[in-house]
Amino acid sequence: MRRIITFVFFCSLGLPAYTQWALLSDVFVPNISITAYDSTVIAGISYGGFFDLAVSYDAGNSWSGENPLEGFNGVTGLYAGNSWVYACTENGVYRADKDSLNWALYNQGLPAAVFDVIERDSIVLAFHDNRLFIRGLEDSLWSVLSDNIPQEYITGFDFDGTLIAVAGSNGVCESYDMGASWSLWTNPSSVTGIIVIKGDTIIHASPGGVTMKLISTGYRADVSNGLTKLWTPPPGWDYYGTFEQFHKIGDNIFLCGETGVYKLKDNAWYWELTGIEYTEGLADNGDKLFAVRGYSGIWGRPLDQLIVNTIDDLVLPYSISIYPNPANDLITVRSDRIIEEISVYDHLGRQVYNADPENKILNLEIRDYTPGLYFICCSMKEVFSVKKMIISH
């Protein structure tokens, strides 16, 4: 429903010009989902369109409308796995071989409506309402993976082969045992939204902003710096609009939604706005990033513009340094900005120190710490930094 409201409300607006983003097609609309691989780009057509899919076989240069999904009622999600492409509709999941694009119902054991699918290591996961479903690529039907998720409803999930992270009505929950048990972390400004796992980090985006969690330490912080803030309603809860999708390209993370498409600056937690507001979904084929915008069509931009010529080439006016490292009795933390909060975690994620120094330089006594690896987490105004520290006696 959130997506429907977004693109229906703005369908009457004129098409603004976005520097370097190019409109590829506005014929086969509305589009709220997209996937891409090699020279093939597939956009889902939803709620009132004359076709099921808009398909390009030449990397977005030309498009055709196709109707391969019998009895569909809106394509809400598309996902390209290793060999298969999945289409999520209100009538269930369809699957097609990536080479032939011959679609067939892949819905055995699922409820009617499925909103998202992820394929990892020959396992496919999907969600409906507040349940997750699982299916092996060679299995004949889906089964319930978990029906004890601590969410009244799910709004997004990610799976890295081991960890499942779910966003929903109660914030974020995680499972490291394929849904047998869950841990929940909440924040009043971070309910609902979308989620992504990147290495040691879980990132959650909601209308209240973006929050990250370091898996190794449990450390959490707001990382909304660079996002366009629409307003700060009482009692001080920031509002950044709705976010629709994270998209990973190598070490790069993109985020799209109401205020545009953002790229996360590596190692700085700064979101660079690339333009193109009210974006519903992202995909790439290795050369170009594609975006869909409801009734405003399908857009594209070369990746070499986004990944090379971006804010990554700039120097942000802050840095954190720790020295000496390794250390045995005393360590100095120095920042270009005032450190509002500092925490130290051991390698098991246990907090061993916390303070609010309100200073740019801090000396820490560490002679009583057990030798090993530690993480120093510093929070400044709107940004934070994490450094590794080795203690040796």
Protein backbone atom coordinates (compact mmCIF):
# COMPACT_ATOMS: atom_id res chain seq x y z
CA MET A 1 0.00 0.00 0.00
CA ARG A 2 2.86 2.39 0.79
CA ARG A 3 4.23 2.02 -2.74
CA ILE A 4 0.84 2.43 -4.36
CA ILE A 5 0.22 5.71 -2.56
CA THR A 6 3.65 7.03 -3.51
CA PHE A 7 3.45 6.60 -7.26
CA VAL A 8 -0.28 7.28 -7.66
CA PHE A 9 0.00 10.60 -5.85
CA PHE A 10 2.88 11.81 -7.98
CA CYS A 11 1.76 10.41 -11.32
CA SER A 12 0.31 13.80 -12.30
CA LEU A 13 3.54 15.69 -11.70
CA GLY A 14 5.70 16.75 -14.61
CA LEU A 15 9.00 15.00 -15.30
CA PRO A 16 11.89 17.03 -13.88
CA ALA A 17 15.34 16.96 -15.47
CA TYR A 18 18.00 15.06 -13.52
CA THR A 19 21.62 15.73 -14.37
CA GLN A 20 23.15 12.59 -15.90
CA TRP A 21 20.08 10.45 -15.26
CA ALA A 22 18.36 9.63 -18.57
CA LEU A 23 14.72 8.67 -19.12
CA LEU A 24 14.78 5.30 -20.92
CA SER A 25 11.04 4.62 -21.23
CA ASP A 26 7.75 5.99 -19.97
CA VAL A 27 5.53 3.87 -22.23
CA PHE A 28 5.00 0.71 -20.15
CA VAL A 29 3.94 2.06 -16.76
CA PRO A 30 3.48 2.08 -13.80
CA ASN A 31 6.76 0.52 -12.66
CA ILE A 32 7.66 -0.18 -9.02
CA SER A 33 10.11 -3.08 -9.45
CA ILE A 34 13.12 -3.79 -11.66
CA THR A 35 15.96 -6.25 -12.15
CA ALA A 36 18.83 -6.49 -14.63
CA TYR A 37 21.62 -8.79 -15.78
CA ASP A 38 23.88 -8.79 -18.85
CA SER A 39 21.92 -6.93 -21.57
CA THR A 40 18.49 -7.80 -20.13
CA VAL A 41 16.48 -5.33 -18.04
CA ILE A 42 13.03 -6.25 -16.70
CA ALA A 43 10.63 -3.81 -15.04
CA GLY A 44 7.41 -4.91 -13.37
CA ILE A 45 4.17 -3.25 -14.42
CA SER A 46 1.66 -2.90 -11.63
CA TYR A 47 -1.93 -2.00 -10.92
CA GLY A 48 -3.64 -0.97 -14.12
CA GLY A 49 -0.96 -1.43 -16.76
CA PHE A 50 -1.73 -3.22 -20.02
CA PHE A 51 1.27 -5.57 -19.70
CA ASP A 52 2.92 -7.68 -17.01
CA LEU A 53 6.49 -6.68 -17.74
CA ALA A 54 8.51 -4.11 -19.65
CA VAL A 55 11.56 -5.89 -21.07
CA SER A 56 14.70 -4.60 -22.76
CA TYR A 57 17.18 -6.96 -24.38
CA ASP A 58 19.68 -4.22 -25.27
CA ALA A 59 20.52 -2.67 -21.87
CA GLY A 60 17.61 -0.24 -21.85
CA ASN A 61 17.83 1.22 -25.34
CA SER A 62 14.53 -0.27 -26.55
CA TRP A 63 11.58 -1.78 -24.70
CA SER A 64 8.62 -4.07 -25.29
CA GLY A 65 5.57 -4.88 -23.23
CA GLU A 66 5.05 -8.58 -22.46
CA ASN A 67 2.30 -10.67 -20.81
CA PRO A 68 3.89 -13.94 -19.61
CA LEU A 69 2.29 -14.08 -16.13
CA GLU A 70 -1.18 -15.61 -16.30
CA GLY A 71 -3.72 -14.13 -13.94
CA PHE A 72 -1.29 -11.67 -12.43
CA ASN A 73 -2.46 -8.63 -10.50
CA GLY A 74 0.55 -6.38 -10.28
CA VAL A 75 4.26 -7.19 -10.14
CA THR A 76 5.45 -5.96 -6.76
CA GLY A 77 8.97 -7.40 -6.80
CA LEU A 78 11.62 -8.73 -9.21
CA TYR A 79 14.82 -10.56 -8.34
CA ALA A 80 17.56 -12.08 -10.51
CA GLY A 81 19.45 -15.02 -8.99
CA ASN A 82 22.29 -17.05 -10.42
CA SER A 83 20.24 -18.79 -13.12
CA TRP A 84 16.67 -17.72 -12.43
CA VAL A 85 14.54 -14.58 -12.39
CA TYR A 86 11.66 -14.29 -9.92
CA ALA A 87 8.53 -12.14 -10.18
CA CYS A 88 6.43 -11.48 -7.07
CA THR A 89 2.75 -10.80 -7.66
CA GLU A 90 -0.46 -10.77 -5.64
CA ASN A 91 -1.10 -14.25 -7.04
CA GLY A 92 2.26 -15.61 -5.91
CA VAL A 93 5.73 -16.14 -7.37
CA TYR A 94 6.68 -16.83 -10.99
CA ARG A 95 10.12 -18.02 -12.11
CA ALA A 96 11.92 -17.96 -15.44
CA ASP A 97 15.26 -19.19 -16.73
CA LYS A 98 17.46 -16.13 -17.29
CA ASP A 99 18.38 -17.21 -20.81
CA SER A 100 14.94 -18.07 -22.18
CA LEU A 101 12.63 -16.00 -19.92
CA ASN A 102 9.98 -18.71 -20.11
CA TRP A 103 7.92 -17.95 -17.02
CA ALA A 104 6.14 -20.58 -14.92
CA LEU A 105 4.26 -20.49 -11.62
CA TYR A 106 6.64 -21.15 -8.72
CA ASN A 107 4.03 -20.85 -6.03
CA GLN A 108 3.45 -24.34 -4.65
CA GLY A 109 2.95 -24.05 -0.89
CA LEU A 110 2.84 -20.26 -0.78
CA PRO A 111 -0.07 -17.98 0.12
CA ALA A 112 -1.40 -15.89 -2.74
CA ALA A 113 0.51 -12.64 -2.26
CA VAL A 114 4.31 -12.60 -1.93
CA PHE A 115 6.17 -9.33 -1.69
CA ASP A 116 9.86 -10.15 -2.02
CA VAL A 117 12.20 -13.06 -2.87
CA ILE A 118 15.92 -13.59 -2.20
CA GLU A 119 18.08 -16.43 -3.56
CA ARG A 120 21.28 -17.41 -1.72
CA ASP A 121 23.35 -20.59 -2.08
CA SER A 122 20.58 -22.67 -3.71
CA ILE A 123 18.06 -21.46 -1.11
CA VAL A 124 15.15 -19.17 -1.91
CA LEU A 125 13.39 -17.15 0.81
CA ALA A 126 10.16 -15.17 0.47
CA PHE A 127 7.89 -13.29 2.86
CA HIS A 128 4.17 -12.77 3.23
CA ASP A 129 2.67 -10.67 6.05
CA ASN A 130 4.66 -11.83 9.13
CA ARG A 131 5.97 -15.19 7.91
CA LEU A 132 9.04 -16.32 6.00
CA PHE A 133 8.98 -19.20 3.52
CA ILE A 134 11.88 -21.31 2.24
CA ARG A 135 12.45 -23.47 -0.82
CA GLY A 136 15.51 -25.20 -2.23
CA LEU A 137 16.06 -24.75 -5.95
CA GLU A 138 15.41 -28.47 -6.48
CA ASP A 139 12.44 -28.70 -4.09
CA SER A 140 8.90 -29.19 -5.35
CA LEU A 141 7.22 -26.77 -2.92
CA TRP A 142 7.71 -24.03 -0.36
CA SER A 143 7.53 -24.55 3.40
CA VAL A 144 7.21 -22.14 6.32
CA LEU A 145 10.66 -21.22 7.56
CA SER A 146 9.50 -19.23 10.56
CA ASP A 147 6.13 -18.21 11.92
CA ASN A 148 7.46 -16.82 15.22
CA ILE A 149 8.96 -13.61 13.85
CA PRO A 150 8.43 -10.78 16.39
CA GLN A 151 6.77 -8.52 13.82
CA GLU A 152 3.07 -7.91 13.27
CA TYR A 153 3.98 -7.41 9.62
CA ILE A 154 7.20 -7.49 7.59
CA THR A 155 8.28 -4.60 5.36
CA GLY A 156 11.67 -5.89 4.20
CA PHE A 157 14.29 -8.58 4.79
CA ASP A 158 17.79 -9.67 3.79
CA PHE A 159 19.69 -12.97 3.98
CA ASP A 160 23.44 -13.48 3.60
CA GLY A 161 23.43 -17.27 3.77
CA THR A 162 23.71 -17.33 7.57
CA LEU A 163 22.02 -14.26 9.04
CA ILE A 164 18.41 -13.28 8.37
CA ALA A 165 17.55 -9.65 9.16
CA VAL A 166 13.90 -8.56 9.06
CA ALA A 167 12.43 -5.05 9.15
CA GLY A 168 8.84 -4.55 10.16
CA SER A 169 6.28 -3.09 12.50
CA ASN A 170 8.46 -3.58 15.60
CA GLY A 171 11.77 -2.38 14.18
CA VAL A 172 14.46 -4.92 13.29
CA CYS A 173 14.93 -8.54 14.30
CA GLU A 174 17.74 -10.98 13.49
CA SER A 175 18.12 -14.74 13.37
CA TYR A 176 21.37 -16.71 13.15
CA ASP A 177 19.69 -20.15 13.21
CA MET A 178 17.42 -19.97 10.13
CA GLY A 179 14.43 -18.56 11.98
CA ALA A 180 14.39 -20.86 15.03
CA SER A 181 15.01 -17.90 17.35
CA TRP A 182 15.04 -14.12 16.97
CA SER A 183 16.55 -11.11 18.69
CA LEU A 184 14.83 -7.75 18.40
CA TRP A 185 16.27 -4.24 18.46
CA THR A 186 13.92 -1.30 18.36
CA ASN A 187 14.08 2.43 18.03
CA PRO A 188 11.02 4.74 18.14
CA SER A 189 12.13 6.44 14.91
CA SER A 190 13.12 3.23 13.09
CA VAL A 191 9.98 1.12 12.82
CA THR A 192 9.02 -0.37 9.43
CA GLY A 193 11.33 0.36 6.53
CA ILE A 194 13.89 -1.70 4.58
CA ILE A 195 17.09 -3.51 5.50
CA VAL A 196 20.38 -4.78 4.05
CA ILE A 197 23.32 -6.84 5.32
CA LYS A 198 26.82 -5.83 4.22
CA GLY A 199 29.64 -7.81 5.78
CA ASP A 200 29.72 -7.06 9.51
CA THR A 201 26.99 -4.41 9.25
CA ILE A 202 23.19 -4.37 9.22
CA ILE A 203 21.71 -1.16 7.79
CA HIS A 204 18.06 -0.21 8.29
CA ALA A 205 16.29 2.71 6.58
CA SER A 206 12.93 4.06 7.70
CA PRO A 207 11.15 7.44 7.57
CA GLY A 208 13.03 8.33 10.76
CA GLY A 209 16.43 7.92 9.09
CA VAL A 210 19.08 5.24 8.68
CA THR A 211 20.48 3.14 11.52
CA MET A 212 23.44 0.77 11.38
CA LYS A 213 24.47 -2.07 13.67
CA LEU A 214 27.88 -3.70 13.84
CA ILE A 215 27.25 -7.43 14.11
CA SER A 216 30.58 -8.10 15.81
CA THR A 217 30.00 -5.63 18.65
CA GLY A 218 26.29 -4.91 18.75
CA TYR A 219 27.08 -1.19 18.44
CA ARG A 220 24.27 0.84 16.86
CA ALA A 221 24.24 4.39 15.57
CA ASP A 222 22.19 6.78 13.49
CA VAL A 223 23.88 7.22 10.10
CA SER A 224 21.54 9.63 8.33
CA ASN A 225 24.16 12.21 7.44
CA GLY A 226 23.65 13.48 3.89
CA LEU A 227 20.00 12.42 3.60
CA THR A 228 17.44 15.07 2.72
CA LYS A 229 15.38 15.82 5.81
CA LEU A 230 11.81 16.77 4.94
CA TRP A 231 10.88 18.09 8.37
CA THR A 232 11.28 17.59 12.11
CA PRO A 233 7.78 17.19 13.55
CA PRO A 234 7.23 17.30 17.31
CA PRO A 235 8.55 15.93 19.58
CA GLY A 236 11.72 16.16 17.53
CA TRP A 237 11.43 13.00 15.41
CA ASP A 238 13.21 13.62 12.12
CA TYR A 239 11.34 12.69 8.95
CA TYR A 240 13.23 11.71 5.79
CA GLY A 241 10.32 10.34 3.77
CA THR A 242 9.84 6.74 2.71
CA PHE A 243 12.67 4.51 1.47
CA GLU A 244 12.00 1.69 -0.97
CA GLN A 245 15.15 -0.34 -1.62
CA PHE A 246 18.83 -0.87 -0.86
CA HIS A 247 20.96 -2.03 -3.79
CA LYS A 248 24.51 -3.41 -3.46
CA ILE A 249 27.09 -3.17 -6.24
CA GLY A 250 30.35 -4.66 -5.03
CA ASP A 251 31.39 -2.64 -1.98
CA ASN A 252 28.97 0.16 -2.87
CA ILE A 253 25.49 0.59 -1.42
CA PHE A 254 22.72 2.63 -3.02
CA LEU A 255 19.48 3.65 -1.33
CA CYS A 256 16.37 4.96 -3.05
CA GLY A 257 13.07 6.42 -2.01
CA GLU A 258 10.98 9.55 -1.78
CA THR A 259 13.83 12.07 -1.72
CA GLY A 260 16.00 10.40 -4.36
CA VAL A 261 18.75 7.89 -5.04
CA TYR A 262 21.71 8.01 -2.63
CA LYS A 263 25.15 6.42 -2.69
CA LEU A 264 26.89 5.64 0.58
CA LYS A 265 30.39 7.04 0.80
CA ASP A 266 32.83 4.28 1.72
CA ASN A 267 34.07 4.36 5.32
CA ALA A 268 32.50 7.75 6.09
CA TRP A 269 28.76 7.04 6.50
CA TYR A 270 27.76 9.96 4.30
CA TRP A 271 24.91 9.56 1.80
CA GLU A 272 25.47 11.38 -1.48
CA LEU A 273 22.28 12.39 -3.28
CA THR A 274 22.47 11.59 -7.00
CA GLY A 275 19.02 12.96 -7.85
CA ILE A 276 15.81 11.37 -9.24
CA GLU A 277 13.21 11.65 -6.46
CA TYR A 278 10.32 9.25 -5.82
CA THR A 279 12.29 6.20 -6.92
CA GLU A 280 10.63 2.82 -6.30
CA GLY A 281 13.41 0.36 -7.19
CA LEU A 282 17.00 -0.06 -8.43
CA ALA A 283 18.93 -2.64 -10.46
CA ASP A 284 22.20 -2.81 -12.39
CA ASN A 285 23.77 -4.89 -15.14
CA GLY A 286 27.39 -4.07 -14.30
CA ASP A 287 27.51 -1.04 -16.60
CA LYS A 288 24.43 1.00 -15.76
CA LEU A 289 22.20 1.65 -12.75
CA PHE A 290 18.49 1.49 -13.56
CA ALA A 291 15.69 3.11 -11.57
CA VAL A 292 11.89 2.93 -11.76
CA ARG A 293 9.57 5.75 -10.75
CA GLY A 294 5.96 4.57 -10.95
CA TYR A 295 4.17 6.46 -13.72
CA SER A 296 7.35 8.45 -14.42
CA GLY A 297 8.98 5.51 -16.15
CA ILE A 298 12.36 3.79 -16.23
CA TRP A 299 15.60 5.73 -15.88
CA GLY A 300 19.29 4.92 -16.20
CA ARG A 301 22.73 6.28 -15.45
CA PRO A 302 26.23 4.88 -16.21
CA LEU A 303 27.89 3.36 -13.16
CA ASP A 304 31.23 4.97 -13.92
CA GLN A 305 29.59 8.33 -13.18
CA LEU A 306 28.18 7.12 -9.88
CA ILE A 307 31.01 5.02 -8.50
CA VAL A 308 34.06 6.95 -9.73
CA ASN A 309 33.04 10.60 -10.06
CA THR A 310 31.23 11.02 -6.77
CA ILE A 311 31.74 12.46 -3.34
CA ASP A 312 34.25 9.67 -2.72
CA ASP A 313 36.75 11.97 -4.41
CA LEU A 314 36.17 14.65 -1.80
CA VAL A 315 37.76 14.99 1.63
CA LEU A 316 35.25 15.31 4.43
CA PRO A 317 36.21 17.74 7.23
CA TYR A 318 36.76 15.17 9.98
CA SER A 319 38.86 12.17 10.85
CA ILE A 320 39.54 9.89 13.80
CA SER A 321 42.97 8.62 14.77
CA ILE A 322 44.12 6.35 17.60
CA TYR A 323 47.72 5.89 18.71
CA PRO A 324 49.78 4.01 19.55
CA ASN A 325 48.20 0.94 18.00
CA PRO A 326 49.01 -1.74 19.15
CA ALA A 327 49.19 -0.34 22.69
CA ASN A 328 49.67 -1.74 26.19
CA ASP A 329 48.84 0.88 28.83
CA LEU A 330 47.52 4.13 27.34
CA ILE A 331 45.88 5.05 24.05
CA THR A 332 45.00 8.48 22.67
CA VAL A 333 41.90 9.10 20.56
CA ARG A 334 41.97 12.28 18.48
CA SER A 335 39.21 13.72 16.29
CA ASP A 336 38.73 16.79 14.11
CA ARG A 337 35.25 17.04 15.60
CA ILE A 338 34.07 16.99 19.20
CA ILE A 339 33.52 13.40 20.31
CA GLU A 340 30.09 13.30 21.92
CA GLU A 341 30.21 9.63 22.92
CA ILE A 342 32.88 6.95 22.88
CA SER A 343 32.47 3.22 23.51
CA VAL A 344 34.96 0.35 23.53
CA TYR A 345 33.90 -3.22 22.72
CA ASP A 346 35.88 -6.43 22.98
CA HIS A 347 35.94 -9.04 20.21
CA LEU A 348 32.83 -10.72 21.66
CA GLY A 349 30.80 -7.51 21.40
CA ARG A 350 30.84 -6.74 25.13
CA GLN A 351 31.04 -3.07 26.03
CA VAL A 352 34.03 -2.48 28.31
CA TYR A 353 34.03 1.32 28.33
CA ASN A 354 31.61 4.18 27.65
CA ALA A 355 31.88 7.93 28.18
CA ASP A 356 30.61 11.29 26.92
CA PRO A 357 33.85 13.26 26.68
CA GLU A 358 32.61 16.31 24.70
CA ASN A 359 36.22 16.81 23.60
CA LYS A 360 38.39 16.27 20.54
CA ILE A 361 41.14 14.39 22.42
CA LEU A 362 40.74 11.58 24.91
CA ASN A 363 43.31 9.42 26.72
CA LEU A 364 42.17 5.91 27.67
CA GLU A 365 43.79 3.73 30.33
CA ILE A 366 43.90 0.19 28.93
CA ARG A 367 46.52 -1.56 31.10
CA ASP A 368 43.82 -3.62 32.85
CA TYR A 369 42.25 -4.85 29.60
CA THR A 370 42.83 -8.41 28.41
CA PRO A 371 45.15 -8.47 25.38
CA GLY A 372 43.35 -8.85 22.04
CA LEU A 373 41.20 -7.08 19.47
CA TYR A 374 38.90 -4.19 20.47
CA PHE A 375 36.63 -1.77 18.63
CA ILE A 376 36.53 1.95 19.46
CA CYS A 377 33.27 3.61 18.39
CA CYS A 378 33.13 7.42 18.39
CA SER A 379 29.95 9.41 17.82
CA MET A 380 30.18 12.99 16.62
CA LYS A 381 27.45 15.30 15.41
CA GLU A 382 25.56 13.34 12.69
CA VAL A 383 28.53 11.03 12.00
CA PHE A 384 30.42 8.24 13.72
CA SER A 385 33.60 6.28 13.20
CA VAL A 386 34.76 2.80 14.21
CA LYS A 387 38.44 1.94 14.66
CA LYS A 388 40.12 -1.35 15.51
CA MET A 389 42.60 -1.42 18.41
CA ILE A 390 45.04 -4.14 19.42
CA ILE A 391 46.07 -4.40 23.07
CA SER A 392 49.27 -6.28 23.81
CA HIS A 393 51.02 -6.53 27.19
